Amino acid sequence: MATTKTRQYLTYAVMTLGLTVLIPIMYHTIRQAQVYSFHADRMFEEGQFEEAAKLYSAALIGGLDTPILLRRLGDAYLSSGKFAMAVPVFIRLLQIEPDNQVAMLKLAKLYSLLNRTDEALVLVERVLHDHPDWRIALIARARVFTMASKFEEAIRDYRTVLHEKKGEIK
């Protein structure tokens, strides 16, 4: 029969051994996601958007689920023309940061490019509700109106941005 002290030492030895095996594995796994993200940033800067998107996805799968990573992954998909793949990324980003108005405008752009102009207008109107004079949002709405063949509304927004009145364009 083992004494209490022997059992304590044995338990301590097993736990120490377990930690010495698990910590490097966990560190490697967590660190790998950061490495993927780092390399993805370099690819994005070099204009290799598809490769960047693959690496950002790997970092996301590796557990690096941050708003910055989601934004970068969405931007990589957007820049590589993979609009349908970018939509769920920006939706996820807005679940984490519901007041991120730049993400709302990017998602609106995606919806517009995918001919989902009604959904795009809802998002742009949400942004304009909080910032009615934000020129970027007004231009985004004008672009959505253009995609929806609502040219009079688009012209109105463009004129607002240019501070012109009807008939004053030279």
C-alpha atoms as a PDB file:
ATOM      1  CA  MET A   1       0.000   0.000   0.000  1.00  0.00           C
ATOM      2  CA  ALA A   2       1.259   3.420  -0.949  1.00  0.00           C
ATOM      3  CA  THR A   3       1.370   6.129   1.644  1.00  0.00           C
ATOM      4  CA  THR A   4      -0.458   9.400   1.242  1.00  0.00           C
ATOM      5  CA  LYS A   5       2.797  11.169   0.581  1.00  0.00           C
ATOM      6  CA  THR A   6       3.701   8.664  -2.169  1.00  0.00           C
ATOM      7  CA  ARG A   7       0.309   9.146  -3.837  1.00  0.00           C
ATOM      8  CA  GLN A   8       0.770  12.924  -3.724  1.00  0.00           C
ATOM      9  CA  TYR A   9       4.205  12.666  -5.344  1.00  0.00           C
ATOM     10  CA  LEU A  10       2.883  10.235  -7.937  1.00  0.00           C
ATOM     11  CA  THR A  11      -0.049  12.547  -8.758  1.00  0.00           C
ATOM     12  CA  TYR A  12       2.306  15.513  -8.984  1.00  0.00           C
ATOM     13  CA  ALA A  13       4.652  13.590 -11.304  1.00  0.00           C
ATOM     14  CA  VAL A  14       1.791  12.513 -13.604  1.00  0.00           C
ATOM     15  CA  MET A  15       0.387  16.058 -13.768  1.00  0.00           C
ATOM     16  CA  THR A  16       3.842  17.521 -14.463  1.00  0.00           C
ATOM     17  CA  LEU A  17       4.457  14.974 -17.184  1.00  0.00           C
ATOM     18  CA  GLY A  18       1.038  15.704 -18.690  1.00  0.00           C
ATOM     19  CA  LEU A  19       1.697  19.432 -18.706  1.00  0.00           C
ATOM     20  CA  THR A  20       5.119  19.023 -20.269  1.00  0.00           C
ATOM     21  CA  VAL A  21       3.474  17.168 -23.133  1.00  0.00           C
ATOM     22  CA  LEU A  22       0.310  19.289 -23.508  1.00  0.00           C
ATOM     23  CA  ILE A  23       1.793  22.787 -23.228  1.00  0.00           C
ATOM     24  CA  PRO A  24       4.076  22.508 -26.286  1.00  0.00           C
ATOM     25  CA  ILE A  25       1.239  20.999 -28.316  1.00  0.00           C
ATOM     26  CA  MET A  26      -1.152  23.771 -27.283  1.00  0.00           C
ATOM     27  CA  TYR A  27       1.483  26.440 -27.834  1.00  0.00           C
ATOM     28  CA  HIS A  28       2.250  25.092 -31.306  1.00  0.00           C
ATOM     29  CA  THR A  29      -1.454  25.017 -32.213  1.00  0.00           C
ATOM     30  CA  ILE A  30      -2.131  28.553 -30.979  1.00  0.00           C
ATOM     31  CA  ARG A  31       1.104  29.879 -32.399  1.00  0.00           C
ATOM     32  CA  GLN A  32       0.372  28.259 -35.776  1.00  0.00           C
ATOM     33  CA  ALA A  33      -2.792  30.345 -36.162  1.00  0.00           C
ATOM     34  CA  GLN A  34      -0.780  33.495 -35.534  1.00  0.00           C
ATOM     35  CA  VAL A  35       1.806  32.405 -38.097  1.00  0.00           C
ATOM     36  CA  TYR A  36      -0.951  31.861 -40.669  1.00  0.00           C
ATOM     37  CA  SER A  37      -2.329  35.316 -39.937  1.00  0.00           C
ATOM     38  CA  PHE A  38       1.118  36.918 -40.228  1.00  0.00           C
ATOM     39  CA  HIS A  39       1.784  35.273 -43.602  1.00  0.00           C
ATOM     40  CA  ALA A  40      -1.724  36.158 -44.774  1.00  0.00           C
ATOM     41  CA  ASP A  41      -1.041  39.824 -44.013  1.00  0.00           C
ATOM     42  CA  ARG A  42       2.075  39.680 -46.199  1.00  0.00           C
ATOM     43  CA  MET A  43       0.152  37.995 -49.044  1.00  0.00           C
ATOM     44  CA  PHE A  44      -2.596  40.596 -48.808  1.00  0.00           C
ATOM     45  CA  GLU A  45      -0.059  43.442 -48.968  1.00  0.00           C
ATOM     46  CA  GLU A  46       1.449  41.848 -52.087  1.00  0.00           C
ATOM     47  CA  GLY A  47      -1.971  41.650 -53.738  1.00  0.00           C
ATOM     48  CA  GLN A  48      -2.212  37.862 -53.486  1.00  0.00           C
ATOM     49  CA  PHE A  49      -5.741  37.974 -52.113  1.00  0.00           C
ATOM     50  CA  GLU A  50      -6.755  34.351 -52.758  1.00  0.00           C
ATOM     51  CA  GLU A  51      -3.680  33.030 -50.952  1.00  0.00           C
ATOM     52  CA  ALA A  52      -4.265  35.497 -48.131  1.00  0.00           C
ATOM     53  CA  ALA A  53      -7.869  34.313 -47.798  1.00  0.00           C
ATOM     54  CA  LYS A  54      -6.707  30.687 -47.518  1.00  0.00           C
ATOM     55  CA  LEU A  55      -4.242  31.583 -44.776  1.00  0.00           C
ATOM     56  CA  TYR A  56      -6.748  33.761 -42.903  1.00  0.00           C
ATOM     57  CA  SER A  57      -9.214  30.857 -43.052  1.00  0.00           C
ATOM     58  CA  ALA A  58      -6.560  28.520 -41.648  1.00  0.00           C
ATOM     59  CA  ALA A  59      -5.898  30.983 -38.810  1.00  0.00           C
ATOM     60  CA  LEU A  60      -9.625  31.166 -38.112  1.00  0.00           C
ATOM     61  CA  ILE A  61      -9.893  27.378 -38.023  1.00  0.00           C
ATOM     62  CA  GLY A  62      -6.813  27.369 -35.782  1.00  0.00           C
ATOM     63  CA  GLY A  63      -8.705  29.346 -33.168  1.00  0.00           C
ATOM     64  CA  LEU A  64      -7.708  32.921 -33.911  1.00  0.00           C
ATOM     65  CA  ASP A  65     -11.292  34.219 -34.060  1.00  0.00           C
ATOM     66  CA  THR A  66     -10.902  37.988 -33.713  1.00  0.00           C
ATOM     67  CA  PRO A  67     -12.711  40.902 -35.343  1.00  0.00           C
ATOM     68  CA  ILE A  68      -9.472  41.998 -37.016  1.00  0.00           C
ATOM     69  CA  LEU A  69      -8.965  38.567 -38.568  1.00  0.00           C
ATOM     70  CA  LEU A  70     -12.589  38.442 -39.747  1.00  0.00           C
ATOM     71  CA  ARG A  71     -12.275  41.889 -41.319  1.00  0.00           C
ATOM     72  CA  ARG A  72      -9.081  40.893 -43.097  1.00  0.00           C
ATOM     73  CA  LEU A  73     -10.586  37.614 -44.323  1.00  0.00           C
ATOM     74  CA  GLY A  74     -13.659  39.449 -45.587  1.00  0.00           C
ATOM     75  CA  ASP A  75     -11.495  42.036 -47.324  1.00  0.00           C
ATOM     76  CA  ALA A  76      -9.398  39.291 -48.938  1.00  0.00           C
ATOM     77  CA  TYR A  77     -12.520  37.600 -50.300  1.00  0.00           C
ATOM     78  CA  LEU A  78     -13.887  40.960 -51.462  1.00  0.00           C
ATOM     79  CA  SER A  79     -10.619  41.879 -53.177  1.00  0.00           C
ATOM     80  CA  SER A  80     -10.363  38.492 -54.898  1.00  0.00           C
ATOM     81  CA  GLY A  81     -13.919  38.733 -56.217  1.00  0.00           C
ATOM     82  CA  LYS A  82     -15.290  35.942 -54.022  1.00  0.00           C
ATOM     83  CA  PHE A  83     -18.289  37.967 -52.938  1.00  0.00           C
ATOM     84  CA  ALA A  84     -20.498  35.069 -51.827  1.00  0.00           C
ATOM     85  CA  MET A  85     -17.719  33.801 -49.545  1.00  0.00           C
ATOM     86  CA  ALA A  86     -17.247  37.241 -47.994  1.00  0.00           C
ATOM     87  CA  VAL A  87     -20.891  37.642 -46.965  1.00  0.00           C
ATOM     88  CA  PRO A  88     -20.896  35.171 -44.027  1.00  0.00           C
ATOM     89  CA  VAL A  89     -17.584  36.586 -42.818  1.00  0.00           C
ATOM     90  CA  PHE A  90     -18.979  40.121 -42.563  1.00  0.00           C
ATOM     91  CA  ILE A  91     -22.201  38.787 -41.026  1.00  0.00           C
ATOM     92  CA  ARG A  92     -20.087  37.066 -38.350  1.00  0.00           C
ATOM     93  CA  LEU A  93     -18.100  40.263 -37.828  1.00  0.00           C
ATOM     94  CA  LEU A  94     -21.336  42.205 -37.311  1.00  0.00           C
ATOM     95  CA  GLN A  95     -22.482  39.619 -34.765  1.00  0.00           C
ATOM     96  CA  ILE A  96     -19.338  40.363 -32.780  1.00  0.00           C
ATOM     97  CA  GLU A  97     -19.350  44.130 -33.446  1.00  0.00           C
ATOM     98  CA  PRO A  98     -22.959  45.087 -34.228  1.00  0.00           C
ATOM     99  CA  ASP A  99     -22.149  48.808 -34.420  1.00  0.00           C
ATOM    100  CA  ASN A 100     -19.256  48.430 -36.894  1.00  0.00           C
ATOM    101  CA  GLN A 101     -20.539  50.760 -39.591  1.00  0.00           C
ATOM    102  CA  VAL A 102     -17.648  50.151 -41.967  1.00  0.00           C
ATOM    103  CA  ALA A 103     -18.471  46.427 -41.894  1.00  0.00           C
ATOM    104  CA  MET A 104     -22.123  47.311 -42.563  1.00  0.00           C
ATOM    105  CA  LEU A 105     -21.123  49.301 -45.639  1.00  0.00           C
ATOM    106  CA  LYS A 106     -18.866  46.503 -46.890  1.00  0.00           C
ATOM    107  CA  LEU A 107     -21.665  43.980 -46.429  1.00  0.00           C
ATOM    108  CA  ALA A 108     -24.016  46.363 -48.237  1.00  0.00           C
ATOM    109  CA  LYS A 109     -21.518  46.551 -51.099  1.00  0.00           C
ATOM    110  CA  LEU A 110     -21.400  42.767 -51.254  1.00  0.00           C
ATOM    111  CA  TYR A 111     -25.181  42.495 -51.247  1.00  0.00           C
ATOM    112  CA  SER A 112     -25.316  45.055 -54.021  1.00  0.00           C
ATOM    113  CA  LEU A 113     -22.748  43.171 -56.103  1.00  0.00           C
ATOM    114  CA  LEU A 114     -24.810  40.013 -55.608  1.00  0.00           C
ATOM    115  CA  ASN A 115     -27.985  41.833 -56.764  1.00  0.00           C
ATOM    116  CA  ARG A 116     -29.440  41.807 -53.263  1.00  0.00           C
ATOM    117  CA  THR A 117     -30.076  45.551 -53.344  1.00  0.00           C
ATOM    118  CA  ASP A 118     -32.972  45.554 -50.863  1.00  0.00           C
ATOM    119  CA  GLU A 119     -30.722  44.049 -48.170  1.00  0.00           C
ATOM    120  CA  ALA A 120     -27.956  46.458 -49.138  1.00  0.00           C
ATOM    121  CA  LEU A 121     -30.246  49.465 -48.763  1.00  0.00           C
ATOM    122  CA  VAL A 122     -31.365  48.344 -45.294  1.00  0.00           C
ATOM    123  CA  LEU A 123     -27.748  48.293 -44.115  1.00  0.00           C
ATOM    124  CA  VAL A 124     -26.833  51.629 -45.673  1.00  0.00           C
ATOM    125  CA  GLU A 125     -29.955  53.237 -44.200  1.00  0.00           C
ATOM    126  CA  ARG A 126     -28.930  51.945 -40.748  1.00  0.00           C
ATOM    127  CA  VAL A 127     -25.595  53.689 -41.130  1.00  0.00           C
ATOM    128  CA  LEU A 128     -27.168  56.888 -42.455  1.00  0.00           C
ATOM    129  CA  HIS A 129     -29.648  56.909 -39.575  1.00  0.00           C
ATOM    130  CA  ASP A 130     -26.738  57.448 -37.188  1.00  0.00           C
ATOM    131  CA  HIS A 131     -24.642  59.600 -39.551  1.00  0.00           C
ATOM    132  CA  PRO A 132     -26.931  61.299 -42.097  1.00  0.00           C
ATOM    133  CA  ASP A 133     -24.153  63.469 -43.565  1.00  0.00           C
ATOM    134  CA  TRP A 134     -21.471  60.799 -43.845  1.00  0.00           C
ATOM    135  CA  ARG A 135     -20.344  61.172 -47.438  1.00  0.00           C
ATOM    136  CA  ILE A 136     -19.003  57.628 -47.729  1.00  0.00           C
ATOM    137  CA  ALA A 137     -22.385  56.227 -46.699  1.00  0.00           C
ATOM    138  CA  LEU A 138     -24.188  58.572 -49.103  1.00  0.00           C
ATOM    139  CA  ILE A 139     -21.955  57.392 -51.953  1.00  0.00           C
ATOM    140  CA  ALA A 140     -22.565  53.781 -50.924  1.00  0.00           C
ATOM    141  CA  ARG A 141     -26.320  54.375 -51.037  1.00  0.00           C
ATOM    142  CA  ALA A 142     -26.016  56.063 -54.427  1.00  0.00           C
ATOM    143  CA  ARG A 143     -24.146  53.039 -55.747  1.00  0.00           C
ATOM    144  CA  VAL A 144     -26.816  50.696 -54.416  1.00  0.00           C
ATOM    145  CA  PHE A 145     -29.505  52.866 -56.002  1.00  0.00           C
ATOM    146  CA  THR A 146     -27.596  52.675 -59.282  1.00  0.00           C
ATOM    147  CA  MET A 147     -27.390  48.879 -59.076  1.00  0.00           C
ATOM    148  CA  ALA A 148     -31.139  48.825 -58.393  1.00  0.00           C
ATOM    149  CA  SER A 149     -31.781  51.094 -61.427  1.00  0.00           C
ATOM    150  CA  LYS A 150     -33.078  53.863 -59.143  1.00  0.00           C
ATOM    151  CA  PHE A 151     -31.172  56.542 -60.970  1.00  0.00           C
ATOM    152  CA  GLU A 152     -33.042  59.622 -59.676  1.00  0.00           C
ATOM    153  CA  GLU A 153     -32.324  58.609 -56.077  1.00  0.00           C
ATOM    154  CA  ALA A 154     -28.698  57.921 -56.961  1.00  0.00           C
ATOM    155  CA  ILE A 155     -28.313  61.323 -58.619  1.00  0.00           C
ATOM    156  CA  ARG A 156     -29.869  62.983 -55.559  1.00  0.00           C
ATOM    157  CA  ASP A 157     -27.282  61.361 -53.267  1.00  0.00           C
ATOM    158  CA  TYR A 158     -24.398  62.211 -55.582  1.00  0.00           C
ATOM    159  CA  ARG A 159     -25.569  65.827 -55.678  1.00  0.00           C
ATOM    160  CA  THR A 160     -25.788  65.882 -51.904  1.00  0.00           C
ATOM    161  CA  VAL A 161     -22.204  64.685 -51.691  1.00  0.00           C
ATOM    162  CA  LEU A 162     -21.118  67.296 -54.235  1.00  0.00           C
ATOM    163  CA  HIS A 163     -23.204  70.004 -52.532  1.00  0.00           C
ATOM    164  CA  GLU A 164     -25.004  70.794 -55.750  1.00  0.00           C
ATOM    165  CA  LYS A 165     -28.617  71.412 -56.504  1.00  0.00           C
ATOM    166  CA  LYS A 166     -30.597  70.079 -59.413  1.00  0.00           C
ATOM    167  CA  GLY A 167     -29.665  71.882 -62.595  1.00  0.00           C
ATOM    168  CA  GLU A 168     -26.366  73.271 -61.244  1.00  0.00           C
ATOM    169  CA  ILE A 169     -24.052  70.609 -62.666  1.00  0.00           C
ATOM    170  CA  LYS A 170     -21.684  72.269 -65.093  1.00  0.00           C
END
